[in-house]
C-alpha cells in the first residue's frame, strides 16, 4: 500500500496520496486546492530500528492482504517501528480500515472531497 507524494503546481503545497496497491492507477488531486496539476516527489523513507527486519521472508506470512483490518494493523505496526509521523491523513485512513471499512471506499471518499474544494 504505497503512499505517493506530490507537489501541487498551483498552490506549491505537498500532497500525499494513499494507493491500495502498486498496480492501481493514481488520479491524484491536491488535498489543499483541488488542482490536478501535480509533480511527483521522491518520498523520504525510514530506516528500520534495531530488531525490525523487513528483509525477513516470513515477516508477512500471516498477513491477509484482502482483510482491511489485517493490513491496517500491519501498516500501523510498521509506522510505529519506523518511528515516523506519516501525517493525520495516514492515521485517519488506518483508523477507518481498522474499523473494517473498504480501502476502495476510503480512497473514493478522499477523491470526492477534492472535487468539492475546487472553488477555493
PDB file of N, CA and C in Angstrom:
ATOM      1  N   UNK A   1       0.832  -1.171   0.000  1.00  0.00           N
ATOM      2  CA  UNK A   1       0.000   0.000   0.000  1.00  0.00           C
ATOM      3  C   UNK A   1       0.881   1.241   0.000  1.00  0.00           C
ATOM      4  N   UNK A   2       1.231   1.701  -1.152  1.00  0.00           N
ATOM      5  CA  UNK A   2       2.113   2.867  -1.198  1.00  0.00           C
ATOM      6  C   UNK A   2       1.378   4.172  -0.917  1.00  0.00           C
ATOM      7  N   UNK A   3       2.132   5.113  -0.446  1.00  0.00           N
ATOM      8  CA  UNK A   3       1.662   6.481  -0.295  1.00  0.00           C
ATOM      9  C   UNK A   3       2.583   7.321  -1.162  1.00  0.00           C
ATOM     10  N   UNK A   4       2.004   7.919  -2.200  1.00  0.00           N
ATOM     11  CA  UNK A   4       2.782   8.743  -3.110  1.00  0.00           C
ATOM     12  C   UNK A   4       2.689  10.198  -2.682  1.00  0.00           C
ATOM     13  N   UNK A   5       3.765  10.933  -2.874  1.00  0.00           N
ATOM     14  CA  UNK A   5       3.787  12.348  -2.526  1.00  0.00           C
ATOM     15  C   UNK A   5       3.960  13.183  -3.785  1.00  0.00           C
ATOM     16  N   UNK A   6       3.248  14.297  -3.802  1.00  0.00           N
ATOM     17  CA  UNK A   6       3.273  15.208  -4.944  1.00  0.00           C
ATOM     18  C   UNK A   6       3.434  16.637  -4.446  1.00  0.00           C
ATOM     19  N   UNK A   7       3.943  17.504  -5.313  1.00  0.00           N
ATOM     20  CA  UNK A   7       3.967  18.946  -5.081  1.00  0.00           C
ATOM     21  C   UNK A   7       2.930  19.535  -6.019  1.00  0.00           C
ATOM     22  N   UNK A   8       1.998  20.311  -5.487  1.00  0.00           N
ATOM     23  CA  UNK A   8       0.967  20.940  -6.300  1.00  0.00           C
ATOM     24  C   UNK A   8       1.601  22.103  -7.062  1.00  0.00           C
ATOM     25  N   UNK A   9       1.419  22.127  -8.368  1.00  0.00           N
ATOM     26  CA  UNK A   9       1.979  23.204  -9.183  1.00  0.00           C
ATOM     27  C   UNK A   9       1.170  24.488  -9.071  1.00  0.00           C
ATOM     28  N   UNK A  10      -0.061  24.376  -8.533  1.00  0.00           N
ATOM     29  CA  UNK A  10      -0.911  25.561  -8.370  1.00  0.00           C
ATOM     30  C   UNK A  10      -0.624  26.269  -7.047  1.00  0.00           C
ATOM     31  N   UNK A  11      -0.686  25.526  -5.932  1.00  0.00           N
ATOM     32  CA  UNK A  11      -0.519  26.169  -4.617  1.00  0.00           C
ATOM     33  C   UNK A  11       0.832  25.871  -3.968  1.00  0.00           C
ATOM     34  N   UNK A  12       1.653  25.016  -4.620  1.00  0.00           N
ATOM     35  CA  UNK A  12       3.015  24.699  -4.174  1.00  0.00           C
ATOM     36  C   UNK A  12       3.082  23.898  -2.876  1.00  0.00           C
ATOM     37  N   UNK A  13       1.960  23.329  -2.436  1.00  0.00           N
ATOM     38  CA  UNK A  13       1.960  22.555  -1.198  1.00  0.00           C
ATOM     39  C   UNK A  13       2.143  21.075  -1.492  1.00  0.00           C
ATOM     40  N   UNK A  14       2.594  20.334  -0.504  1.00  0.00           N
ATOM     41  CA  UNK A  14       2.812  18.889  -0.628  1.00  0.00           C
ATOM     42  C   UNK A  14       1.501  18.158  -0.367  1.00  0.00           C
ATOM     43  N   UNK A  15       1.244  17.117  -1.165  1.00  0.00           N
ATOM     44  CA  UNK A  15       0.050  16.288  -1.033  1.00  0.00           C
ATOM     45  C   UNK A  15       0.465  14.833  -1.017  1.00  0.00           C
ATOM     46  N   UNK A  16      -0.097  14.062  -0.089  1.00  0.00           N
ATOM     47  CA  UNK A  16       0.154  12.627  -0.020  1.00  0.00           C
ATOM     48  C   UNK A  16      -1.074  11.898  -0.525  1.00  0.00           C
ATOM     49  N   UNK A  17      -0.856  10.849  -1.325  1.00  0.00           N
ATOM     50  CA  UNK A  17      -1.959  10.086  -1.901  1.00  0.00           C
ATOM     51  C   UNK A  17      -1.764   8.618  -1.546  1.00  0.00           C
ATOM     52  N   UNK A  18      -2.717   8.066  -0.800  1.00  0.00           N
ATOM     53  CA  UNK A  18      -2.702   6.654  -0.415  1.00  0.00           C
ATOM     54  C   UNK A  18      -3.248   5.827  -1.572  1.00  0.00           C
ATOM     55  N   UNK A  19      -2.547   4.774  -1.961  1.00  0.00           N
ATOM     56  CA  UNK A  19      -2.967   3.916  -3.065  1.00  0.00           C
ATOM     57  C   UNK A  19      -3.038   2.483  -2.541  1.00  0.00           C
ATOM     58  N   UNK A  20      -4.099   1.770  -2.894  1.00  0.00           N
ATOM     59  CA  UNK A  20      -4.294   0.428  -2.352  1.00  0.00           C
ATOM     60  C   UNK A  20      -3.195  -0.540  -2.768  1.00  0.00           C
ATOM     61  N   UNK A  21      -2.741  -0.466  -4.004  1.00  0.00           N
ATOM     62  CA  UNK A  21      -1.654  -1.347  -4.438  1.00  0.00           C
ATOM     63  C   UNK A  21      -0.801  -0.632  -5.474  1.00  0.00           C
ATOM     64  N   UNK A  22       0.380  -1.163  -5.700  1.00  0.00           N
ATOM     65  CA  UNK A  22       1.315  -0.549  -6.641  1.00  0.00           C
ATOM     66  C   UNK A  22       0.741  -0.546  -8.060  1.00  0.00           C
ATOM     67  N   UNK A  23      -0.113  -1.520  -8.378  1.00  0.00           N
ATOM     68  CA  UNK A  23      -0.660  -1.631  -9.727  1.00  0.00           C
ATOM     69  C   UNK A  23      -1.881  -0.747  -9.958  1.00  0.00           C
ATOM     70  N   UNK A  24      -2.412  -0.119  -8.905  1.00  0.00           N
ATOM     71  CA  UNK A  24      -3.575   0.757  -9.062  1.00  0.00           C
ATOM     72  C   UNK A  24      -3.184   2.045  -9.770  1.00  0.00           C
ATOM     73  N   UNK A  25      -4.100   2.556 -10.583  1.00  0.00           N
ATOM     74  CA  UNK A  25      -3.829   3.846 -11.216  1.00  0.00           C
ATOM     75  C   UNK A  25      -4.075   4.958 -10.199  1.00  0.00           C
ATOM     76  N   UNK A  26      -3.367   6.044 -10.360  1.00  0.00           N
ATOM     77  CA  UNK A  26      -3.455   7.162  -9.426  1.00  0.00           C
ATOM     78  C   UNK A  26      -4.019   8.377 -10.144  1.00  0.00           C
ATOM     79  N   UNK A  27      -5.165   8.858  -9.685  1.00  0.00           N
ATOM     80  CA  UNK A  27      -5.749  10.092 -10.207  1.00  0.00           C
ATOM     81  C   UNK A  27      -5.675  11.113  -9.073  1.00  0.00           C
ATOM     82  N   UNK A  28      -4.473  11.592  -8.825  1.00  0.00           N
ATOM     83  CA  UNK A  28      -4.223  12.447  -7.666  1.00  0.00           C
ATOM     84  C   UNK A  28      -4.696  13.874  -7.887  1.00  0.00           C
ATOM     85  N   UNK A  29      -5.151  14.470  -6.798  1.00  0.00           N
ATOM     86  CA  UNK A  29      -5.521  15.884  -6.756  1.00  0.00           C
ATOM     87  C   UNK A  29      -4.954  16.472  -5.479  1.00  0.00           C
ATOM     88  N   UNK A  30      -4.646  17.731  -5.510  1.00  0.00           N
ATOM     89  CA  UNK A  30      -4.124  18.419  -4.340  1.00  0.00           C
ATOM     90  C   UNK A  30      -5.185  18.426  -3.246  1.00  0.00           C
ATOM     91  N   UNK A  31      -4.807  18.003  -2.061  1.00  0.00           N
ATOM     92  CA  UNK A  31      -5.745  17.985  -0.949  1.00  0.00           C
ATOM     93  C   UNK A  31      -6.020  19.387  -0.400  1.00  0.00           C
ATOM     94  N   UNK A  32      -5.247  20.354  -0.834  1.00  0.00           N
ATOM     95  CA  UNK A  32      -5.398  21.720  -0.333  1.00  0.00           C
ATOM     96  C   UNK A  32      -6.224  22.604  -1.264  1.00  0.00           C
ATOM     97  N   UNK A  33      -5.942  22.526  -2.581  1.00  0.00           N
ATOM     98  CA  UNK A  33      -6.650  23.406  -3.518  1.00  0.00           C
ATOM     99  C   UNK A  33      -7.461  22.648  -4.569  1.00  0.00           C
ATOM    100  N   UNK A  34      -7.298  21.315  -4.648  1.00  0.00           N
ATOM    101  CA  UNK A  34      -8.071  20.508  -5.591  1.00  0.00           C
ATOM    102  C   UNK A  34      -7.482  20.411  -6.989  1.00  0.00           C
ATOM    103  N   UNK A  35      -6.371  21.053  -7.230  1.00  0.00           N
ATOM    104  CA  UNK A  35      -5.766  21.029  -8.558  1.00  0.00           C
ATOM    105  C   UNK A  35      -5.255  19.632  -8.908  1.00  0.00           C
ATOM    106  N   UNK A  36      -5.360  19.277 -10.183  1.00  0.00           N
ATOM    107  CA  UNK A  36      -4.818  18.012 -10.672  1.00  0.00           C
ATOM    108  C   UNK A  36      -3.409  18.209 -11.245  1.00  0.00           C
ATOM    109  N   UNK A  37      -2.907  19.435 -11.222  1.00  0.00           N
ATOM    110  CA  UNK A  37      -1.568  19.733 -11.738  1.00  0.00           C
ATOM    111  C   UNK A  37      -0.537  19.466 -10.633  1.00  0.00           C
ATOM    112  N   UNK A  38      -0.025  18.235 -10.619  1.00  0.00           N
ATOM    113  CA  UNK A  38       0.885  17.802  -9.569  1.00  0.00           C
ATOM    114  C   UNK A  38       2.182  17.282 -10.160  1.00  0.00           C
ATOM    115  N   UNK A  39       3.245  17.421  -9.398  1.00  0.00           N
ATOM    116  CA  UNK A  39       4.540  16.891  -9.778  1.00  0.00           C
ATOM    117  C   UNK A  39       4.940  15.856  -8.721  1.00  0.00           C
ATOM    118  N   UNK A  40       5.251  14.647  -9.154  1.00  0.00           N
ATOM    119  CA  UNK A  40       5.580  13.562  -8.225  1.00  0.00           C
ATOM    120  C   UNK A  40       6.904  13.850  -7.540  1.00  0.00           C
ATOM    121  N   UNK A  41       6.946  13.647  -6.221  1.00  0.00           N
ATOM    122  CA  UNK A  41       8.147  13.837  -5.428  1.00  0.00           C
ATOM    123  C   UNK A  41       8.767  12.491  -5.090  1.00  0.00           C
ATOM    124  N   UNK A  42      10.029  12.492  -4.841  1.00  0.00           N
ATOM    125  CA  UNK A  42      10.673  11.295  -4.318  1.00  0.00           C
ATOM    126  C   UNK A  42      10.466  11.349  -2.814  1.00  0.00           C
ATOM    127  N   UNK A  43       9.739  10.382  -2.311  1.00  0.00           N
ATOM    128  CA  UNK A  43       9.387  10.368  -0.893  1.00  0.00           C
ATOM    129  C   UNK A  43      10.584  10.015  -0.033  1.00  0.00           C
ATOM    130  N   UNK A  44      10.620  10.613   1.123  1.00  0.00           N
ATOM    131  CA  UNK A  44      11.651  10.213   2.067  1.00  0.00           C
ATOM    132  C   UNK A  44      11.271   8.844   2.604  1.00  0.00           C
ATOM    133  N   UNK A  45      12.215   8.144   3.080  1.00  0.00           N
ATOM    134  CA  UNK A  45      11.938   6.819   3.600  1.00  0.00           C
ATOM    135  C   UNK A  45      12.579   6.674   4.955  1.00  0.00           C
ATOM    136  N   UNK A  46      12.074   5.718   5.695  1.00  0.00           N
ATOM    137  CA  UNK A  46      12.582   5.489   7.035  1.00  0.00           C
ATOM    138  C   UNK A  46      13.498   4.274   7.034  1.00  0.00           C
ATOM    139  N   UNK A  47      14.420   4.296   7.942  1.00  0.00           N
ATOM    140  CA  UNK A  47      15.251   3.123   8.131  1.00  0.00           C
ATOM    141  C   UNK A  47      14.765   2.410   9.382  1.00  0.00           C
ATOM    142  N   UNK A  48      14.737   1.104   9.338  1.00  0.00           N
ATOM    143  CA  UNK A  48      14.214   0.366  10.481  1.00  0.00           C
ATOM    144  C   UNK A  48      15.101   0.495  11.713  1.00  0.00           C
ATOM    145  N   UNK A  49      14.438   0.432  12.856  1.00  0.00           N
ATOM    146  CA  UNK A  49      15.176   0.427  14.113  1.00  0.00           C
ATOM    147  C   UNK A  49      15.736  -0.967  14.354  1.00  0.00           C
ATOM    148  N   UNK A  50      16.603  -1.068  15.295  1.00  0.00           N
ATOM    149  CA  UNK A  50      17.154  -2.374  15.658  1.00  0.00           C
ATOM    150  C   UNK A  50      16.011  -3.311  16.030  1.00  0.00           C
ATOM    151  N   UNK A  51      16.099  -4.531  15.571  1.00  0.00           N
ATOM    152  CA  UNK A  51      15.074  -5.521  15.905  1.00  0.00           C
ATOM    153  C   UNK A  51      14.022  -5.695  14.829  1.00  0.00           C
ATOM    154  N   UNK A  52      13.894  -4.751  13.928  1.00  0.00           N
ATOM    155  CA  UNK A  52      12.917  -4.860  12.845  1.00  0.00           C
ATOM    156  C   UNK A  52      13.655  -5.321  11.595  1.00  0.00           C
ATOM    157  N   UNK A  53      13.249  -6.449  11.056  1.00  0.00           N
ATOM    158  CA  UNK A  53      13.916  -6.989   9.879  1.00  0.00           C
ATOM    159  C   UNK A  53      12.913  -7.080   8.742  1.00  0.00           C
ATOM    160  N   UNK A  54      12.885  -6.068   7.885  1.00  0.00           N
ATOM    161  CA  UNK A  54      11.952  -6.049   6.762  1.00  0.00           C
ATOM    162  C   UNK A  54      12.359  -7.022   5.669  1.00  0.00           C
ATOM    163  N   UNK A  55      13.596  -7.534   5.730  1.00  0.00           N
ATOM    164  CA  UNK A  55      14.060  -8.494   4.736  1.00  0.00           C
ATOM    165  C   UNK A  55      13.712  -9.930   5.103  1.00  0.00           C
ATOM    166  N   UNK A  56      13.160 -10.137   6.290  1.00  0.00           N
ATOM    167  CA  UNK A  56      12.771 -11.473   6.733  1.00  0.00           C
ATOM    168  C   UNK A  56      11.631 -11.973   5.861  1.00  0.00           C
ATOM    169  N   UNK A  57      11.874 -13.033   5.101  1.00  0.00           N
ATOM    170  CA  UNK A  57      10.884 -13.554   4.149  1.00  0.00           C
ATOM    171  C   UNK A  57       9.595 -13.957   4.830  1.00  0.00           C
ATOM    172  N   UNK A  58       9.633 -14.343   6.088  1.00  0.00           N
ATOM    173  CA  UNK A  58       8.422 -14.783   6.786  1.00  0.00           C
ATOM    174  C   UNK A  58       7.719 -13.675   7.535  1.00  0.00           C
ATOM    175  N   UNK A  59       8.219 -12.448   7.468  1.00  0.00           N
ATOM    176  CA  UNK A  59       7.666 -11.352   8.260  1.00  0.00           C
ATOM    177  C   UNK A  59       6.218 -11.040   7.920  1.00  0.00           C
ATOM    178  N   UNK A  60       5.802 -11.351   6.698  1.00  0.00           N
ATOM    179  CA  UNK A  60       4.433 -11.023   6.286  1.00  0.00           C
ATOM    180  C   UNK A  60       3.622 -12.272   5.957  1.00  0.00           C
ATOM    181  N   UNK A  61       4.086 -13.444   6.392  1.00  0.00           N
ATOM    182  CA  UNK A  61       3.407 -14.696   6.077  1.00  0.00           C
ATOM    183  C   UNK A  61       1.962 -14.725   6.563  1.00  0.00           C
ATOM    184  N   UNK A  62       1.699 -14.139   7.719  1.00  0.00           N
ATOM    185  CA  UNK A  62       0.357 -14.193   8.297  1.00  0.00           C
ATOM    186  C   UNK A  62      -0.540 -13.044   7.845  1.00  0.00           C
ATOM    187  N   UNK A  63      -0.047 -12.177   6.978  1.00  0.00           N
ATOM    188  CA  UNK A  63      -0.827 -11.016   6.548  1.00  0.00           C
ATOM    189  C   UNK A  63      -1.817 -11.410   5.449  1.00  0.00           C
ATOM    190  N   UNK A  64      -3.101 -11.167   5.709  1.00  0.00           N
ATOM    191  CA  UNK A  64      -4.136 -11.397   4.701  1.00  0.00           C
ATOM    192  C   UNK A  64      -4.373 -10.060   4.001  1.00  0.00           C
ATOM    193  N   UNK A  65      -3.807  -9.902   2.805  1.00  0.00           N
ATOM    194  CA  UNK A  65      -3.891  -8.612   2.109  1.00  0.00           C
ATOM    195  C   UNK A  65      -5.305  -8.255   1.676  1.00  0.00           C
ATOM    196  N   UNK A  66      -6.245  -9.202   1.765  1.00  0.00           N
ATOM    197  CA  UNK A  66      -7.637  -8.924   1.419  1.00  0.00           C
ATOM    198  C   UNK A  66      -8.463  -8.519   2.626  1.00  0.00           C
ATOM    199  N   UNK A  67      -7.843  -8.486   3.800  1.00  0.00           N
ATOM    200  CA  UNK A  67      -8.526  -8.095   5.033  1.00  0.00           C
ATOM    201  C   UNK A  67      -8.056  -6.702   5.440  1.00  0.00           C
ATOM    202  N   UNK A  68      -8.922  -5.678   5.288  1.00  0.00           N
ATOM    203  CA  UNK A  68      -8.507  -4.308   5.614  1.00  0.00           C
ATOM    204  C   UNK A  68      -7.993  -4.158   7.044  1.00  0.00           C
ATOM    205  N   UNK A  69      -8.601  -4.897   7.981  1.00  0.00           N
ATOM    206  CA  UNK A  69      -8.155  -4.801   9.379  1.00  0.00           C
ATOM    207  C   UNK A  69      -6.729  -5.322   9.538  1.00  0.00           C
ATOM    208  N   UNK A  70      -6.424  -6.434   8.885  1.00  0.00           N
ATOM    209  CA  UNK A  70      -5.084  -7.010   8.977  1.00  0.00           C
ATOM    210  C   UNK A  70      -4.050  -6.084   8.336  1.00  0.00           C
ATOM    211  N   UNK A  71      -4.388  -5.523   7.192  1.00  0.00           N
ATOM    212  CA  UNK A  71      -3.460  -4.610   6.510  1.00  0.00           C
ATOM    213  C   UNK A  71      -3.265  -3.347   7.346  1.00  0.00           C
ATOM    214  N   UNK A  72      -4.344  -2.835   7.935  1.00  0.00           N
ATOM    215  CA  UNK A  72      -4.240  -1.644   8.781  1.00  0.00           C
ATOM    216  C   UNK A  72      -3.367  -1.920  10.000  1.00  0.00           C
ATOM    217  N   UNK A  73      -3.560  -3.075  10.612  1.00  0.00           N
ATOM    218  CA  UNK A  73      -2.765  -3.456  11.779  1.00  0.00           C
ATOM    219  C   UNK A  73      -1.278  -3.517  11.401  1.00  0.00           C
ATOM    220  N   UNK A  74      -0.992  -4.148  10.242  1.00  0.00           N
ATOM    221  CA  UNK A  74       0.387  -4.249   9.775  1.00  0.00           C
ATOM    222  C   UNK A  74       0.973  -2.853   9.490  1.00  0.00           C
ATOM    223  N   UNK A  75       0.199  -1.997   8.813  1.00  0.00           N
ATOM    224  CA  UNK A  75       0.681  -0.655   8.469  1.00  0.00           C
ATOM    225  C   UNK A  75       0.957   0.163   9.727  1.00  0.00           C
ATOM    226  N   UNK A  76       0.078   0.046  10.724  1.00  0.00           N
ATOM    227  CA  UNK A  76       0.290   0.782  11.967  1.00  0.00           C
ATOM    228  C   UNK A  76       1.547   0.269  12.682  1.00  0.00           C
ATOM    229  N   UNK A  77       1.752  -1.057  12.693  1.00  0.00           N
ATOM    230  CA  UNK A  77       2.951  -1.617  13.318  1.00  0.00           C
ATOM    231  C   UNK A  77       4.213  -1.121  12.616  1.00  0.00           C
ATOM    232  N   UNK A  78       4.189  -1.097  11.296  1.00  0.00           N
ATOM    233  CA  UNK A  78       5.362  -0.622  10.549  1.00  0.00           C
ATOM    234  C   UNK A  78       5.620   0.850  10.842  1.00  0.00           C
ATOM    235  N   UNK A  79       4.548   1.645  10.885  1.00  0.00           N
ATOM    236  CA  UNK A  79       4.699   3.076  11.191  1.00  0.00           C
ATOM    237  C   UNK A  79       5.318   3.245  12.575  1.00  0.00           C
ATOM    238  N   UNK A  80       4.811   2.486  13.547  1.00  0.00           N
ATOM    239  CA  UNK A  80       5.328   2.590  14.908  1.00  0.00           C
ATOM    240  C   UNK A  80       6.791   2.138  14.987  1.00  0.00           C
ATOM    241  N   UNK A  81       7.122   1.073  14.260  1.00  0.00           N
ATOM    242  CA  UNK A  81       8.502   0.585  14.261  1.00  0.00           C
ATOM    243  C   UNK A  81       9.457   1.583  13.616  1.00  0.00           C
ATOM    244  N   UNK A  82       9.003   2.223  12.555  1.00  0.00           N
ATOM    245  CA  UNK A  82       9.854   3.188  11.853  1.00  0.00           C
ATOM    246  C   UNK A  82      10.010   4.478  12.640  1.00  0.00           C
ATOM    247  N   UNK A  83       9.003   4.807  13.461  1.00  0.00           N
ATOM    248  CA  UNK A  83       9.082   6.000  14.290  1.00  0.00           C
ATOM    249  C   UNK A  83       8.810   7.296  13.561  1.00  0.00           C
ATOM    250  N   UNK A  84       8.266   7.233  12.350  1.00  0.00           N
ATOM    251  CA  UNK A  84       7.982   8.452  11.591  1.00  0.00           C
ATOM    252  C   UNK A  84       6.522   8.844  11.719  1.00  0.00           C
ATOM    253  N   UNK A  85       6.270  10.141  11.688  1.00  0.00           N
ATOM    254  CA  UNK A  85       4.906  10.651  11.650  1.00  0.00           C
ATOM    255  C   UNK A  85       4.507  10.766  10.184  1.00  0.00           C
ATOM    256  N   UNK A  86       3.545   9.968   9.766  1.00  0.00           N
ATOM    257  CA  UNK A  86       3.116   9.975   8.375  1.00  0.00           C
ATOM    258  C   UNK A  86       1.930  10.894   8.137  1.00  0.00           C
ATOM    259  N   UNK A  87       1.563  11.654   9.136  1.00  0.00           N
ATOM    260  CA  UNK A  87       0.524  12.656   8.980  1.00  0.00           C
ATOM    261  C   UNK A  87      -0.860  12.173   9.362  1.00  0.00           C
ATOM    262  N   UNK A  88      -1.758  13.131   9.575  1.00  0.00           N
ATOM    263  CA  UNK A  88      -3.113  12.795  10.016  1.00  0.00           C
ATOM    264  C   UNK A  88      -3.911  12.026   8.967  1.00  0.00           C
ATOM    265  N   UNK A  89      -3.618  12.232   7.690  1.00  0.00           N
ATOM    266  CA  UNK A  89      -4.344  11.516   6.639  1.00  0.00           C
ATOM    267  C   UNK A  89      -4.079  10.015   6.745  1.00  0.00           C
ATOM    268  N   UNK A  90      -2.819   9.653   6.974  1.00  0.00           N
ATOM    269  CA  UNK A  90      -2.457   8.247   7.118  1.00  0.00           C
ATOM    270  C   UNK A  90      -3.179   7.652   8.323  1.00  0.00           C
ATOM    271  N   UNK A  91      -3.123   8.350   9.456  1.00  0.00           N
ATOM    272  CA  UNK A  91      -3.771   7.857  10.671  1.00  0.00           C
ATOM    273  C   UNK A  91      -5.271   7.689  10.472  1.00  0.00           C
ATOM    274  N   UNK A  92      -5.896   8.640   9.784  1.00  0.00           N
ATOM    275  CA  UNK A  92      -7.334   8.559   9.525  1.00  0.00           C
ATOM    276  C   UNK A  92      -7.669   7.349   8.653  1.00  0.00           C
ATOM    277  N   UNK A  93      -6.895   7.147   7.593  1.00  0.00           N
ATOM    278  CA  UNK A  93      -7.146   6.001   6.712  1.00  0.00           C
ATOM    279  C   UNK A  93      -6.964   4.682   7.453  1.00  0.00           C
ATOM    280  N   UNK A  94      -5.926   4.594   8.270  1.00  0.00           N
ATOM    281  CA  UNK A  94      -5.674   3.365   9.022  1.00  0.00           C
ATOM    282  C   UNK A  94      -6.786   3.116  10.021  1.00  0.00           C
ATOM    283  N   UNK A  95      -7.235   4.151  10.707  1.00  0.00           N
ATOM    284  CA  UNK A  95      -8.337   4.000  11.663  1.00  0.00           C
ATOM    285  C   UNK A  95      -9.594   3.505  10.962  1.00  0.00           C
ATOM    286  N   UNK A  96      -9.882   4.053   9.795  1.00  0.00           N
ATOM    287  CA  UNK A  96     -11.063   3.619   9.038  1.00  0.00           C
ATOM    288  C   UNK A  96     -10.922   2.171   8.572  1.00  0.00           C
ATOM    289  N   UNK A  97      -9.726   1.784   8.145  1.00  0.00           N
ATOM    290  CA  UNK A  97      -9.508   0.400   7.729  1.00  0.00           C
ATOM    291  C   UNK A  97      -9.611  -0.549   8.921  1.00  0.00           C
ATOM    292  N   UNK A  98      -9.111  -0.122  10.093  1.00  0.00           N
ATOM    293  CA  UNK A  98      -9.200  -0.952  11.291  1.00  0.00           C
ATOM    294  C   UNK A  98     -10.647  -1.212  11.694  1.00  0.00           C
ATOM    295  N   UNK A  99     -11.532  -0.277  11.356  1.00  0.00           N
ATOM    296  CA  UNK A  99     -12.948  -0.476  11.672  1.00  0.00           C
ATOM    297  C   UNK A  99     -13.628  -1.368  10.633  1.00  0.00           C
ATOM    298  N   UNK A 100     -12.865  -1.807   9.605  1.00  0.00           N
ATOM    299  CA  UNK A 100     -13.395  -2.724   8.607  1.00  0.00           C
ATOM    300  C   UNK A 100     -13.848  -2.065   7.324  1.00  0.00           C
ATOM    301  N   UNK A 101     -13.646  -0.755   7.220  1.00  0.00           N
ATOM    302  CA  UNK A 101     -14.064  -0.044   6.011  1.00  0.00           C
ATOM    303  C   UNK A 101     -13.210  -0.468   4.815  1.00  0.00           C
ATOM    304  N   UNK A 102     -13.832  -0.550   3.677  1.00  0.00           N
ATOM    305  CA  UNK A 102     -13.159  -0.966   2.443  1.00  0.00           C
ATOM    306  C   UNK A 102     -12.180   0.126   1.985  1.00  0.00           C
ATOM    307  N   UNK A 103     -10.907  -0.230   1.734  1.00  0.00           N
ATOM    308  CA  UNK A 103      -9.934   0.771   1.283  1.00  0.00           C
ATOM    309  C   UNK A 103     -10.366   1.497   0.009  1.00  0.00           C
ATOM    310  N   UNK A 104     -11.068   0.798  -0.885  1.00  0.00           N
ATOM    311  CA  UNK A 104     -11.562   1.448  -2.111  1.00  0.00           C
ATOM    312  C   UNK A 104     -12.540   2.579  -1.756  1.00  0.00           C
ATOM    313  N   UNK A 105     -13.399   2.342  -0.775  1.00  0.00           N
ATOM    314  CA  UNK A 105     -14.365   3.365  -0.350  1.00  0.00           C
ATOM    315  C   UNK A 105     -13.642   4.550   0.294  1.00  0.00           C
ATOM    316  N   UNK A 106     -12.599   4.261   1.060  1.00  0.00           N
ATOM    317  CA  UNK A 106     -11.821   5.329   1.696  1.00  0.00           C
ATOM    318  C   UNK A 106     -11.190   6.216   0.631  1.00  0.00           C
ATOM    319  N   UNK A 107     -10.616   5.598  -0.402  1.00  0.00           N
ATOM    320  CA  UNK A 107      -9.998   6.361  -1.483  1.00  0.00           C
ATOM    321  C   UNK A 107     -11.050   7.141  -2.267  1.00  0.00           C
ATOM    322  N   UNK A 108     -12.210   6.542  -2.464  1.00  0.00           N
ATOM    323  CA  UNK A 108     -13.288   7.223  -3.173  1.00  0.00           C
ATOM    324  C   UNK A 108     -13.729   8.468  -2.412  1.00  0.00           C
ATOM    325  N   UNK A 109     -13.841   8.342  -1.088  1.00  0.00           N
ATOM    326  CA  UNK A 109     -14.210   9.494  -0.258  1.00  0.00           C
ATOM    327  C   UNK A 109     -13.175  10.605  -0.378  1.00  0.00           C
ATOM    328  N   UNK A 110     -11.896  10.220  -0.377  1.00  0.00           N
ATOM    329  CA  UNK A 110     -10.826  11.213  -0.484  1.00  0.00           C
ATOM    330  C   UNK A 110     -10.902  11.928  -1.825  1.00  0.00           C
ATOM    331  N   UNK A 111     -11.166  11.171  -2.876  1.00  0.00           N
ATOM    332  CA  UNK A 111     -11.281  11.761  -4.214  1.00  0.00           C
ATOM    333  C   UNK A 111     -12.479  12.687  -4.288  1.00  0.00           C
ATOM    334  N   UNK A 112     -13.615  12.266  -3.710  1.00  0.00           N
ATOM    335  CA  UNK A 112     -14.820  13.101  -3.707  1.00  0.00           C
ATOM    336  C   UNK A 112     -14.608  14.405  -2.951  1.00  0.00           C
ATOM    337  N   UNK A 113     -13.836  14.354  -1.865  1.00  0.00           N
ATOM    338  CA  UNK A 113     -13.620  15.578  -1.098  1.00  0.00           C
ATOM    339  C   UNK A 113     -12.779  16.572  -1.884  1.00  0.00           C
ATOM    340  N   UNK A 114     -11.885  16.096  -2.760  1.00  0.00           N
ATOM    341  CA  UNK A 114     -11.105  17.009  -3.604  1.00  0.00           C
ATOM    342  C   UNK A 114     -12.001  17.766  -4.568  1.00  0.00           C
ATOM    343  N   UNK A 115     -13.015  17.098  -5.091  1.00  0.00           N
ATOM    344  CA  UNK A 115     -13.887  17.736  -6.079  1.00  0.00           C
ATOM    345  C   UNK A 115     -14.620  18.934  -5.495  1.00  0.00           C
ATOM    346  N   UNK A 116     -14.918  18.884  -4.200  1.00  0.00           N
ATOM    347  CA  UNK A 116     -15.627  19.985  -3.574  1.00  0.00           C
ATOM    348  C   UNK A 116     -14.757  21.174  -3.226  1.00  0.00           C
ATOM    349  N   UNK A 117     -13.436  21.018  -3.312  1.00  0.00           N
ATOM    350  CA  UNK A 117     -12.526  22.098  -2.929  1.00  0.00           C
ATOM    351  C   UNK A 117     -12.081  22.976  -4.080  1.00  0.00           C
ATOM    352  N   UNK A 118     -12.566  22.721  -5.296  1.00  0.00           N
ATOM    353  CA  UNK A 118     -12.047  23.450  -6.453  1.00  0.00           C
ATOM    354  C   UNK A 118     -12.422  24.919  -6.476  1.00  0.00           C
ATOM    355  N   UNK A 119     -13.420  25.337  -5.717  1.00  0.00           N
ATOM    356  CA  UNK A 119     -13.818  26.743  -5.746  1.00  0.00           C
ATOM    357  C   UNK A 119     -13.027  27.573  -4.741  1.00  0.00           C
ATOM    358  N   UNK A 120     -12.056  26.974  -4.057  1.00  0.00           N
ATOM    359  CA  UNK A 120     -11.265  27.706  -3.061  1.00  0.00           C
ATOM    360  C   UNK A 120     -10.304  28.632  -3.759  1.00  0.00           C
TER     361      UNK A 120
END
